[in-house]
Amino acid sequence: MAELKCAVDNCVYNKSECCCKGDITVGGKHADCKDDTCCASFSQTGSDRFTSALEHPSRTISIDCEASDCKFNSDYKCTAGHVDIKGCGACNCKETACATFTAR
């Protein structure tokens, strides 16, 4: 599990830069850089689904990772100790990114 800091302020799972989802998936199977990744678990605030998830924010989280060329990816799991997700003002998951991505 990684310590997660989420800057995607309008994600329904974000509460005080912590995630309430329990686990996330970083997308970007063919990513060569951080901007080719995304938080595939993003759900925009205002959508009526998953609102009860906001009750349990956590600083540590399990992260599945599709970015096979990231040095922190080990068999689809993120092994980084700390992960930053960026995307302030994002309206969809393509406007988010894993700022921790580091090419092998």
Protein backbone atom coordinates (compact mmCIF):
# COMPACT_ATOMS: atom_id res chain seq x y z
CA MET A 1 0.00 0.00 0.00
CA ALA A 2 1.19 3.46 -0.88
CA GLU A 3 0.73 6.78 0.83
CA LEU A 4 -1.48 8.70 -1.60
CA LYS A 5 -1.81 12.45 -2.08
CA CYS A 6 -4.60 13.31 -4.47
CA ALA A 7 -4.78 16.83 -5.93
CA VAL A 8 -7.89 16.03 -7.99
CA ASP A 9 -10.10 18.26 -5.90
CA ASN A 10 -13.35 17.57 -7.76
CA CYS A 11 -13.19 13.78 -7.59
CA VAL A 12 -16.01 12.32 -5.52
CA TYR A 13 -13.47 10.14 -3.66
CA ASN A 14 -11.17 13.04 -2.63
CA LYS A 15 -11.45 14.35 0.90
CA SER A 16 -8.61 16.56 2.17
CA GLU A 17 -6.25 15.11 -0.48
CA CYS A 18 -6.96 11.57 0.77
CA CYS A 19 -8.87 8.92 -1.17
CA CYS A 20 -12.07 7.39 0.12
CA LYS A 21 -12.37 4.66 -2.50
CA GLY A 22 -10.17 2.07 -0.81
CA ASP A 23 -8.19 1.21 -3.94
CA ILE A 24 -7.55 2.88 -7.28
CA THR A 25 -6.29 1.97 -10.72
CA VAL A 26 -3.70 4.04 -12.55
CA GLY A 27 -4.36 3.76 -16.28
CA GLY A 28 -1.86 4.19 -19.08
CA LYS A 29 -0.87 0.80 -20.46
CA HIS A 30 1.42 2.36 -23.07
CA ALA A 31 2.55 5.35 -20.99
CA ASP A 32 6.00 6.78 -21.68
CA CYS A 33 5.64 9.70 -19.27
CA LYS A 34 3.40 10.77 -16.39
CA ASP A 35 1.07 12.72 -18.69
CA ASP A 36 0.24 9.46 -20.49
CA THR A 37 -1.21 8.04 -17.25
CA CYS A 38 -4.52 8.74 -15.52
CA CYS A 39 -6.48 7.83 -12.43
CA ALA A 40 -8.91 5.39 -14.02
CA SER A 41 -10.92 5.41 -10.78
CA PHE A 42 -11.77 9.12 -11.07
CA SER A 43 -15.44 10.03 -10.70
CA GLN A 44 -16.39 13.69 -10.90
CA THR A 45 -18.05 15.38 -7.94
CA GLY A 46 -21.69 15.99 -8.61
CA SER A 47 -22.28 12.57 -10.06
CA ASP A 48 -24.84 10.84 -7.90
CA ARG A 49 -22.94 7.57 -7.54
CA PHE A 50 -20.48 6.58 -4.82
CA THR A 51 -21.25 9.57 -2.60
CA SER A 52 -21.27 7.42 0.54
CA ALA A 53 -17.61 6.57 -0.10
CA LEU A 54 -16.64 10.00 1.26
CA GLU A 55 -17.07 8.82 4.81
CA HIS A 56 -13.75 6.94 5.06
CA PRO A 57 -10.71 8.82 3.70
CA SER A 58 -7.37 7.05 3.94
CA ARG A 59 -3.77 8.21 3.55
CA THR A 60 -2.65 4.75 2.41
CA ILE A 61 -4.25 2.87 -0.44
CA SER A 62 -3.82 -0.14 -2.69
CA ILE A 63 -2.99 0.90 -6.25
CA ASP A 64 -3.32 -1.28 -9.33
CA CYS A 65 -1.18 0.05 -12.15
CA GLU A 66 -1.52 -0.50 -15.89
CA ALA A 67 1.60 1.57 -16.72
CA SER A 68 3.87 -1.36 -17.49
CA ASP A 69 6.87 0.87 -18.23
CA CYS A 70 6.83 2.55 -14.81
CA LYS A 71 9.65 1.45 -12.53
CA PHE A 72 7.18 1.17 -9.63
CA ASN A 73 4.95 -1.32 -11.45
CA SER A 74 5.43 -4.89 -10.27
CA ASP A 75 2.96 -7.36 -11.73
CA TYR A 76 0.19 -4.74 -12.09
CA LYS A 77 0.73 -3.37 -8.52
CA CYS A 78 2.30 -0.05 -7.57
CA THR A 79 5.31 -0.47 -5.28
CA ALA A 80 6.04 3.24 -4.71
CA GLY A 81 5.99 4.32 -1.08
CA HIS A 82 4.30 7.61 -1.94
CA VAL A 83 2.09 8.42 -4.95
CA ASP A 84 0.86 11.83 -6.13
CA ILE A 85 -2.19 12.05 -8.38
CA LYS A 86 -2.55 15.38 -10.16
CA GLY A 87 -5.44 16.91 -12.05
CA CYS A 88 -6.88 19.90 -10.22
CA GLY A 89 -10.14 20.81 -11.95
CA ALA A 90 -10.34 17.58 -13.94
CA CYS A 91 -13.67 16.76 -15.57
CA ASN A 92 -12.72 13.24 -16.65
CA CYS A 93 -10.02 10.69 -15.93
CA LYS A 94 -7.96 11.73 -18.97
CA GLU A 95 -7.34 15.07 -17.24
CA THR A 96 -5.68 13.32 -14.28
CA ALA A 97 -2.22 11.77 -14.06
CA CYS A 98 0.09 9.84 -11.78
CA ALA A 99 2.81 12.39 -11.03
CA THR A 100 4.92 9.60 -9.49
CA PHE A 101 5.30 7.74 -12.80
CA THR A 102 8.98 7.14 -13.57
CA ALA A 103 10.02 5.36 -16.77
CA ARG A 104 12.16 2.25 -16.38
